[in-house]
C-alpha atoms as a PDB file:
ATOM      1  CA  MET A   1     -68.572  27.427  20.710  1.00  0.00           C
ATOM      2  CA  ILE A   2     -65.007  28.735  21.859  1.00  0.00           C
ATOM      3  CA  LYS A   3     -64.494  25.847  23.970  1.00  0.00           C
ATOM      4  CA  GLN A   4     -64.556  23.275  21.012  1.00  0.00           C
ATOM      5  CA  LEU A   5     -62.021  26.030  19.335  1.00  0.00           C
ATOM      6  CA  LYS A   6     -59.713  25.554  22.588  1.00  0.00           C
ATOM      7  CA  ILE A   7     -59.419  22.172  22.435  1.00  0.00           C
ATOM      8  CA  HIS A   8     -59.016  21.904  18.517  1.00  0.00           C
ATOM      9  CA  SER A   9     -56.194  23.826  19.142  1.00  0.00           C
ATOM     10  CA  LEU A  10     -54.815  22.159  21.620  1.00  0.00           C
ATOM     11  CA  PHE A  11     -55.168  18.708  19.813  1.00  0.00           C
ATOM     12  CA  LEU A  12     -53.552  20.232  16.872  1.00  0.00           C
ATOM     13  CA  LEU A  13     -50.535  21.557  19.114  1.00  0.00           C
ATOM     14  CA  LEU A  14     -50.171  18.161  20.476  1.00  0.00           C
ATOM     15  CA  ILE A  15     -50.010  16.120  17.312  1.00  0.00           C
ATOM     16  CA  SER A  16     -47.352  19.064  15.870  1.00  0.00           C
ATOM     17  CA  LEU A  17     -45.103  18.543  19.197  1.00  0.00           C
ATOM     18  CA  LEU A  18     -45.286  14.698  18.811  1.00  0.00           C
ATOM     19  CA  PHE A  19     -44.642  15.464  15.103  1.00  0.00           C
ATOM     20  CA  VAL A  20     -41.834  17.371  15.925  1.00  0.00           C
ATOM     21  CA  SER A  21     -40.781  14.610  18.730  1.00  0.00           C
ATOM     22  CA  LEU A  22     -40.828  12.039  16.076  1.00  0.00           C
ATOM     23  CA  ILE A  23     -38.852  13.966  13.661  1.00  0.00           C
ATOM     24  CA  GLN A  24     -36.233  14.764  16.145  1.00  0.00           C
ATOM     25  CA  VAL A  25     -36.159  10.958  17.587  1.00  0.00           C
ATOM     26  CA  HIS A  26     -35.469   9.807  13.997  1.00  0.00           C
ATOM     27  CA  ALA A  27     -32.240  12.639  13.068  1.00  0.00           C
ATOM     28  CA  ASP A  28     -30.879  11.615  16.324  1.00  0.00           C
ATOM     29  CA  SER A  29     -30.858   7.726  16.140  1.00  0.00           C
ATOM     30  CA  ARG A  30     -30.155   7.931  11.944  1.00  0.00           C
ATOM     31  CA  THR A  31     -26.972   5.988  11.027  1.00  0.00           C
ATOM     32  CA  GLY A  32     -25.691   5.261   7.799  1.00  0.00           C
ATOM     33  CA  SER A  33     -23.420   2.855   5.996  1.00  0.00           C
ATOM     34  CA  ILE A  34     -20.166   2.610   3.949  1.00  0.00           C
ATOM     35  CA  ASP A  35     -19.776   0.738   0.679  1.00  0.00           C
ATOM     36  CA  ILE A  36     -16.310  -0.195  -0.540  1.00  0.00           C
ATOM     37  CA  ASP A  37     -15.634  -0.899  -3.992  1.00  0.00           C
ATOM     38  CA  TYR A  38     -12.447  -2.531  -4.804  1.00  0.00           C
ATOM     39  CA  LYS A  39     -10.639  -2.206  -7.564  1.00  0.00           C
ATOM     40  CA  GLY A  40      -7.055  -2.061  -9.051  1.00  0.00           C
ATOM     41  CA  ARG A  41      -5.222  -1.639 -12.348  1.00  0.00           C
ATOM     42  CA  THR A  42      -2.227  -3.443 -13.753  1.00  0.00           C
ATOM     43  CA  ASP A  43       1.021  -1.773 -15.149  1.00  0.00           C
ATOM     44  CA  ASN A  44      -1.187  -2.056 -18.877  1.00  0.00           C
ATOM     45  CA  GLN A  45      -4.006  -0.447 -16.856  1.00  0.00           C
ATOM     46  CA  GLU A  46      -6.196  -3.222 -17.310  1.00  0.00           C
ATOM     47  CA  GLU A  47      -8.928  -3.273 -14.085  1.00  0.00           C
ATOM     48  CA  ILE A  48      -9.257  -5.822 -12.226  1.00  0.00           C
ATOM     49  CA  ILE A  49     -11.553  -6.975  -9.264  1.00  0.00           C
ATOM     50  CA  LEU A  50     -10.025  -7.190  -5.686  1.00  0.00           C
ATOM     51  CA  SER A  51     -12.200  -9.651  -4.108  1.00  0.00           C
ATOM     52  CA  GLY A  52     -11.048 -11.128  -0.767  1.00  0.00           C
ATOM     53  CA  ALA A  53      -9.374  -7.951   0.663  1.00  0.00           C
ATOM     54  CA  LYS A  54      -9.714  -7.362   4.412  1.00  0.00           C
ATOM     55  CA  PHE A  55     -10.670  -4.029   5.413  1.00  0.00           C
ATOM     56  CA  GLU A  56     -10.942  -2.932   9.099  1.00  0.00           C
ATOM     57  CA  ILE A  57     -12.978   0.351  10.121  1.00  0.00           C
ATOM     58  CA  ILE A  58     -12.187   1.675  13.402  1.00  0.00           C
ATOM     59  CA  PRO A  59     -14.517   4.761  15.090  1.00  0.00           C
ATOM     60  CA  ILE A  60     -12.225   7.916  15.616  1.00  0.00           C
ATOM     61  CA  GLN A  61     -15.265  10.650  16.205  1.00  0.00           C
ATOM     62  CA  TYR A  62     -18.624  10.898  16.989  1.00  0.00           C
ATOM     63  CA  VAL A  63     -21.287  13.580  17.208  1.00  0.00           C
ATOM     64  CA  GLU A  64     -22.965  14.949  20.173  1.00  0.00           C
ATOM     65  CA  ASN A  65     -25.149  17.830  20.153  1.00  0.00           C
ATOM     66  CA  GLU A  66     -23.933  19.027  16.727  1.00  0.00           C
ATOM     67  CA  LYS A  67     -20.059  18.769  17.711  1.00  0.00           C
ATOM     68  CA  TRP A  68     -17.642  16.559  16.823  1.00  0.00           C
ATOM     69  CA  VAL A  69     -15.977  14.732  19.867  1.00  0.00           C
ATOM     70  CA  TRP A  70     -13.092  12.310  19.653  1.00  0.00           C
ATOM     71  CA  GLN A  71     -13.545   8.832  20.880  1.00  0.00           C
ATOM     72  CA  SER A  72     -12.188   7.969  24.158  1.00  0.00           C
ATOM     73  CA  SER A  73      -9.377   5.894  22.463  1.00  0.00           C
ATOM     74  CA  PHE A  74      -8.192   8.945  20.547  1.00  0.00           C
ATOM     75  CA  VAL A  75      -8.660  11.625  22.516  1.00  0.00           C
ATOM     76  CA  ASP A  76      -4.801  11.659  23.377  1.00  0.00           C
ATOM     77  CA  CYS A  77      -3.434  11.278  19.759  1.00  0.00           C
ATOM     78  CA  GLY A  78      -2.440  14.520  19.369  1.00  0.00           C
ATOM     79  CA  VAL A  79      -4.016  14.736  15.380  1.00  0.00           C
ATOM     80  CA  SER A  80      -5.643  17.523  13.633  1.00  0.00           C
ATOM     81  CA  LEU A  81      -8.543  16.861  11.321  1.00  0.00           C
ATOM     82  CA  HIS A  82      -9.473  20.927  10.934  1.00  0.00           C
ATOM     83  CA  ASP A  83      -7.595  20.525   7.221  1.00  0.00           C
ATOM     84  CA  THR A  84     -10.044  18.835   4.893  1.00  0.00           C
ATOM     85  CA  SER A  85      -7.770  18.801   1.985  1.00  0.00           C
ATOM     86  CA  ALA A  86      -7.491  15.313   0.255  1.00  0.00           C
ATOM     87  CA  GLU A  87      -3.080  15.791   0.979  1.00  0.00           C
ATOM     88  CA  ALA A  88      -3.876  16.605   4.706  1.00  0.00           C
ATOM     89  CA  ARG A  89      -6.322  13.470   4.989  1.00  0.00           C
ATOM     90  CA  ASN A  90      -3.647  11.430   3.567  1.00  0.00           C
ATOM     91  CA  LYS A  91      -1.364  12.427   5.797  1.00  0.00           C
ATOM     92  CA  GLN A  92      -4.277  12.152   8.883  1.00  0.00           C
ATOM     93  CA  ALA A  93      -5.148   8.946   8.111  1.00  0.00           C
ATOM     94  CA  LYS A  94      -1.450   7.305   8.272  1.00  0.00           C
ATOM     95  CA  GLN A  95      -0.919   9.334  11.698  1.00  0.00           C
ATOM     96  CA  LEU A  96      -3.947   8.269  13.133  1.00  0.00           C
ATOM     97  CA  LEU A  97      -3.337   4.294  12.029  1.00  0.00           C
ATOM     98  CA  GLU A  98       0.393   4.741  13.406  1.00  0.00           C
ATOM     99  CA  TYR A  99      -1.349   5.635  17.108  1.00  0.00           C
ATOM    100  CA  ALA A 100      -3.883   2.898  16.870  1.00  0.00           C
ATOM    101  CA  ARG A 101      -1.403   0.264  16.071  1.00  0.00           C
ATOM    102  CA  LYS A 102       0.500   1.672  19.176  1.00  0.00           C
ATOM    103  CA  LYS A 103      -2.385   1.950  21.713  1.00  0.00           C
ATOM    104  CA  SER A 104      -3.403  -1.800  19.993  1.00  0.00           C
ATOM    105  CA  VAL A 105      -6.866   0.140  19.406  1.00  0.00           C
ATOM    106  CA  SER A 106      -8.779  -2.443  16.493  1.00  0.00           C
ATOM    107  CA  GLY A 107     -11.738  -2.302  14.948  1.00  0.00           C
ATOM    108  CA  ASN A 108     -14.608  -4.398  13.082  1.00  0.00           C
ATOM    109  CA  GLN A 109     -13.414  -6.364   9.905  1.00  0.00           C
ATOM    110  CA  GLN A 110     -14.625  -7.547   6.582  1.00  0.00           C
ATOM    111  CA  LEU A 111     -13.583  -9.133   3.687  1.00  0.00           C
ATOM    112  CA  THR A 112     -14.607  -7.753  -0.010  1.00  0.00           C
ATOM    113  CA  ASP A 113     -17.282 -10.190  -2.072  1.00  0.00           C
ATOM    114  CA  SER A 114     -16.633 -11.536  -5.238  1.00  0.00           C
ATOM    115  CA  THR A 115     -17.593  -8.055  -6.041  1.00  0.00           C
ATOM    116  CA  GLY A 116     -14.881  -6.779  -4.865  1.00  0.00           C
ATOM    117  CA  HIS A 117     -17.758  -4.994  -2.328  1.00  0.00           C
ATOM    118  CA  THR A 118     -17.741  -4.606   1.239  1.00  0.00           C
ATOM    119  CA  ILE A 119     -20.413  -2.686   3.146  1.00  0.00           C
ATOM    120  CA  PHE A 120     -19.818  -1.646   6.729  1.00  0.00           C
ATOM    121  CA  SER A 121     -23.616  -0.720   7.680  1.00  0.00           C
ATOM    122  CA  LYS A 122     -25.398   0.842  10.998  1.00  0.00           C
ATOM    123  CA  LEU A 123     -22.726   3.170  11.258  1.00  0.00           C
ATOM    124  CA  ASN A 124     -23.252   6.333  13.738  1.00  0.00           C
ATOM    125  CA  GLU A 125     -22.930   9.758  12.800  1.00  0.00           C
ATOM    126  CA  GLY A 126     -19.368   9.999  12.650  1.00  0.00           C
ATOM    127  CA  MET A 127     -15.810  10.031  11.436  1.00  0.00           C
ATOM    128  CA  TYR A 128     -14.389   6.538  10.525  1.00  0.00           C
ATOM    129  CA  LEU A 129     -10.435   5.142   9.688  1.00  0.00           C
ATOM    130  CA  ILE A 130     -10.529   2.656   7.230  1.00  0.00           C
ATOM    131  CA  THR A 131      -7.416   0.862   6.795  1.00  0.00           C
ATOM    132  CA  GLN A 132      -6.477  -2.478   4.468  1.00  0.00           C
ATOM    133  CA  ILE A 133      -5.252  -5.360   6.436  1.00  0.00           C
ATOM    134  CA  GLY A 134      -2.046  -6.562   4.523  1.00  0.00           C
ATOM    135  CA  SER A 135      -2.566  -6.817   0.726  1.00  0.00           C
ATOM    136  CA  VAL A 136      -4.168  -8.752  -1.684  1.00  0.00           C
ATOM    137  CA  LYS A 137      -3.299 -10.812  -4.720  1.00  0.00           C
ATOM    138  CA  ASN A 138      -5.055 -10.957  -7.850  1.00  0.00           C
ATOM    139  CA  GLY A 139      -3.048 -13.651 -10.382  1.00  0.00           C
ATOM    140  CA  ASN A 140       0.410 -12.236 -10.094  1.00  0.00           C
ATOM    141  CA  ASP A 141      -0.443  -9.075  -9.166  1.00  0.00           C
ATOM    142  CA  THR A 142      -0.485  -7.901  -5.415  1.00  0.00           C
ATOM    143  CA  PHE A 143      -2.411  -4.412  -4.774  1.00  0.00           C
ATOM    144  CA  GLU A 144      -2.780  -2.732  -1.529  1.00  0.00           C
ATOM    145  CA  SER A 145      -4.631   0.585   0.059  1.00  0.00           C
ATOM    146  CA  ALA A 146      -3.297   3.046   2.073  1.00  0.00           C
ATOM    147  CA  PRO A 147      -5.488   4.165   5.062  1.00  0.00           C
ATOM    148  CA  PHE A 148      -8.360   6.611   4.451  1.00  0.00           C
ATOM    149  CA  LEU A 149     -10.816   8.468   6.478  1.00  0.00           C
ATOM    150  CA  VAL A 150     -14.875   8.614   5.527  1.00  0.00           C
ATOM    151  CA  SER A 151     -17.547  10.784   7.492  1.00  0.00           C
ATOM    152  CA  VAL A 152     -20.740   9.969   8.106  1.00  0.00           C
ATOM    153  CA  PRO A 153     -22.621  11.668   6.879  1.00  0.00           C
ATOM    154  CA  SER A 154     -20.367  13.037   3.917  1.00  0.00           C
ATOM    155  CA  ASP A 155     -20.692  16.358   2.001  1.00  0.00           C
ATOM    156  CA  ILE A 156     -21.433  14.932  -1.639  1.00  0.00           C
ATOM    157  CA  ASP A 157     -22.221  17.402  -4.162  1.00  0.00           C
ATOM    158  CA  GLY A 158     -23.609  19.430  -2.005  1.00  0.00           C
ATOM    159  CA  TYR A 159     -25.899  17.233  -0.394  1.00  0.00           C
ATOM    160  CA  PHE A 160     -24.922  15.171   3.145  1.00  0.00           C
ATOM    161  CA  MET A 161     -25.081  11.430   2.425  1.00  0.00           C
ATOM    162  CA  TYR A 162     -25.693   9.222   5.109  1.00  0.00           C
ATOM    163  CA  ASP A 163     -25.048   5.836   2.352  1.00  0.00           C
ATOM    164  CA  VAL A 164     -21.541   6.940   1.401  1.00  0.00           C
ATOM    165  CA  LYS A 165     -19.949   4.884  -1.324  1.00  0.00           C
ATOM    166  CA  VAL A 166     -15.868   4.963  -1.599  1.00  0.00           C
ATOM    167  CA  GLU A 167     -13.683   3.949  -4.168  1.00  0.00           C
ATOM    168  CA  PRO A 168      -9.996   3.262  -2.237  1.00  0.00           C
ATOM    169  CA  LYS A 169      -6.983   4.558  -4.040  1.00  0.00           C
ATOM    170  CA  VAL A 170      -5.183   0.972  -4.903  1.00  0.00           C
ATOM    171  CA  THR A 171      -1.110   1.035  -5.494  1.00  0.00           C
ATOM    172  CA  TRP A 172      -0.296  -1.757  -7.859  1.00  0.00           C
ATOM    173  CA  LEU A 173       2.564  -3.085  -5.776  1.00  0.00           C
ATOM    174  CA  THR A 174       4.345  -6.010  -8.064  1.00  0.00           C
ATOM    175  CA  ASN A 175       3.948  -8.537 -10.594  1.00  0.00           C
ATOM    176  CA  ASN A 176       5.071 -11.566  -8.793  1.00  0.00           C
ATOM    177  CA  VAL A 177       6.350 -13.460 -12.524  1.00  0.00           C
ATOM    178  CA  PRO A 178       8.817 -16.342 -11.787  1.00  0.00           C
ATOM    179  CA  PRO A 179      12.453 -15.209 -12.693  1.00  0.00           C
ATOM    180  CA  SER A 180      13.588 -16.617 -15.757  1.00  0.00           C
ATOM    181  CA  VAL A 181      16.436 -19.190 -15.021  1.00  0.00           C
ATOM    182  CA  PRO A 182      19.739 -17.550 -15.862  1.00  0.00           C
ATOM    183  CA  GLU A 183      21.617 -18.747 -19.239  1.00  0.00           C
ATOM    184  CA  LYS A 184      24.447 -20.780 -18.158  1.00  0.00           C
ATOM    185  CA  PRO A 185      27.767 -18.844 -17.951  1.00  0.00           C
ATOM    186  CA  SER A 186      29.961 -19.498 -21.130  1.00  0.00           C
ATOM    187  CA  GLU A 187      32.769 -21.604 -20.553  1.00  0.00           C
ATOM    188  CA  LYS A 188      36.368 -19.659 -20.237  1.00  0.00           C
ATOM    189  CA  ASN A 189      39.887 -20.456 -20.569  1.00  0.00           C
ATOM    190  CA  PRO A 190      41.257 -21.550 -17.343  1.00  0.00           C
ATOM    191  CA  PRO A 191      43.863 -18.826 -15.997  1.00  0.00           C
ATOM    192  CA  GLU A 192      47.112 -19.405 -17.198  1.00  0.00           C
ATOM    193  CA  ASP A 193      49.379 -21.445 -14.480  1.00  0.00           C
ATOM    194  CA  THR A 194      52.241 -18.821 -13.559  1.00  0.00           C
ATOM    195  CA  ASN A 195      54.693 -21.568 -12.561  1.00  0.00           C
ATOM    196  CA  THR A 196      54.499 -23.262 -16.524  1.00  0.00           C
ATOM    197  CA  GLY A 197      55.049 -19.989 -18.016  1.00  0.00           C
ATOM    198  CA  ALA A 198      58.037 -19.135 -16.040  1.00  0.00           C
ATOM    199  CA  GLN A 199      59.018 -22.622 -17.049  1.00  0.00           C
ATOM    200  CA  VAL A 200      59.023 -22.185 -20.761  1.00  0.00           C
ATOM    201  CA  LYS A 201      60.953 -18.898 -20.461  1.00  0.00           C
ATOM    202  CA  LYS A 202      63.560 -20.357 -18.879  1.00  0.00           C
ATOM    203  CA  THR A 203      63.502 -23.539 -20.994  1.00  0.00           C
ATOM    204  CA  ILE A 204      64.122 -20.747 -24.077  1.00  0.00           C
ATOM    205  CA  TRP A 205      66.628 -18.677 -22.605  1.00  0.00           C
ATOM    206  CA  ILE A 206      68.620 -21.693 -21.885  1.00  0.00           C
ATOM    207  CA  VAL A 207      68.162 -23.002 -25.916  1.00  0.00           C
ATOM    208  CA  LEU A 208      69.557 -19.812 -26.665  1.00  0.00           C
ATOM    209  CA  ALA A 209      72.291 -19.661 -24.547  1.00  0.00           C
ATOM    210  CA  LEU A 210      73.568 -23.335 -26.056  1.00  0.00           C
ATOM    211  CA  CYS A 211      72.949 -22.515 -29.366  1.00  0.00           C
ATOM    212  CA  SER A 212      75.301 -19.110 -28.852  1.00  0.00           C
ATOM    213  CA  PHE A 213      77.511 -21.645 -27.444  1.00  0.00           C
ATOM    214  CA  GLY A 214      77.601 -23.948 -29.998  1.00  0.00           C
ATOM    215  CA  MET A 215      77.894 -20.484 -32.511  1.00  0.00           C
ATOM    216  CA  ILE A 216      80.970 -19.646 -30.841  1.00  0.00           C
ATOM    217  CA  VAL A 217      82.505 -23.006 -30.704  1.00  0.00           C
ATOM    218  CA  ILE A 218      82.254 -23.220 -34.353  1.00  0.00           C
ATOM    219  CA  LEU A 219      83.355 -20.067 -35.464  1.00  0.00           C
ATOM    220  CA  GLY A 220      86.236 -20.441 -32.928  1.00  0.00           C
ATOM    221  CA  ARG A 221      87.022 -23.747 -35.146  1.00  0.00           C
ATOM    222  CA  ARG A 222      87.076 -22.078 -38.483  1.00  0.00           C
ATOM    223  CA  LEU A 223      89.222 -19.565 -37.111  1.00  0.00           C
ATOM    224  CA  LYS A 224      91.794 -21.536 -35.587  1.00  0.00           C
ATOM    225  CA  GLU A 225      91.786 -23.539 -38.652  1.00  0.00           C
ATOM    226  CA  ASN A 226      92.289 -20.183 -41.336  1.00  0.00           C
ATOM    227  CA  SER A 227      95.290 -19.358 -39.047  1.00  0.00           C
ATOM    228  CA  ASN A 228      97.019 -22.764 -39.444  1.00  0.00           C
END
């Protein structure tokens, strides 16, 4: 009886160890995803689905023995990720993107579909840099997103989520409406020819001089006649 209890206890112990091992293996191999929902707003606050936008995802850090470790391509980037505020994250993302471009580090690229979605799946635990390649147009409007950081898993309302949904902050760049044709400038009077003006003035002075001379001659004659 005692022997049977020992065998039974040993069997339960083996089952427990196997169960714990399976849980550990599952935890170590768990992957996640980042679902991008890309929409924009025009200057009149109209929501627009942005399809055909190209996004690139670049691994920055990975988790090893419950510690965050830099990917080999970013070991010397000199960027600290300790500050997790939104403002700091925005600055960190820009710095990391600048470093990645300088070192020619690239990642997987995907386009948003007709609903403005694209999903980067089978992502290991870690920190990821996501950036839009170029801008995207919708009608006459142009939009782009600044680079941003996403961790897998992400702490959302106190829960660690492996399947993360993000809505990038979109900037409305410009309304590419063709410029209106400018009105034809009104015709202006041609500038006065200074030479012509000078000639007119000269002619007037000559006429006045002749008239004065004539009046003097007439006045002289009358005075001569009266004296006789």
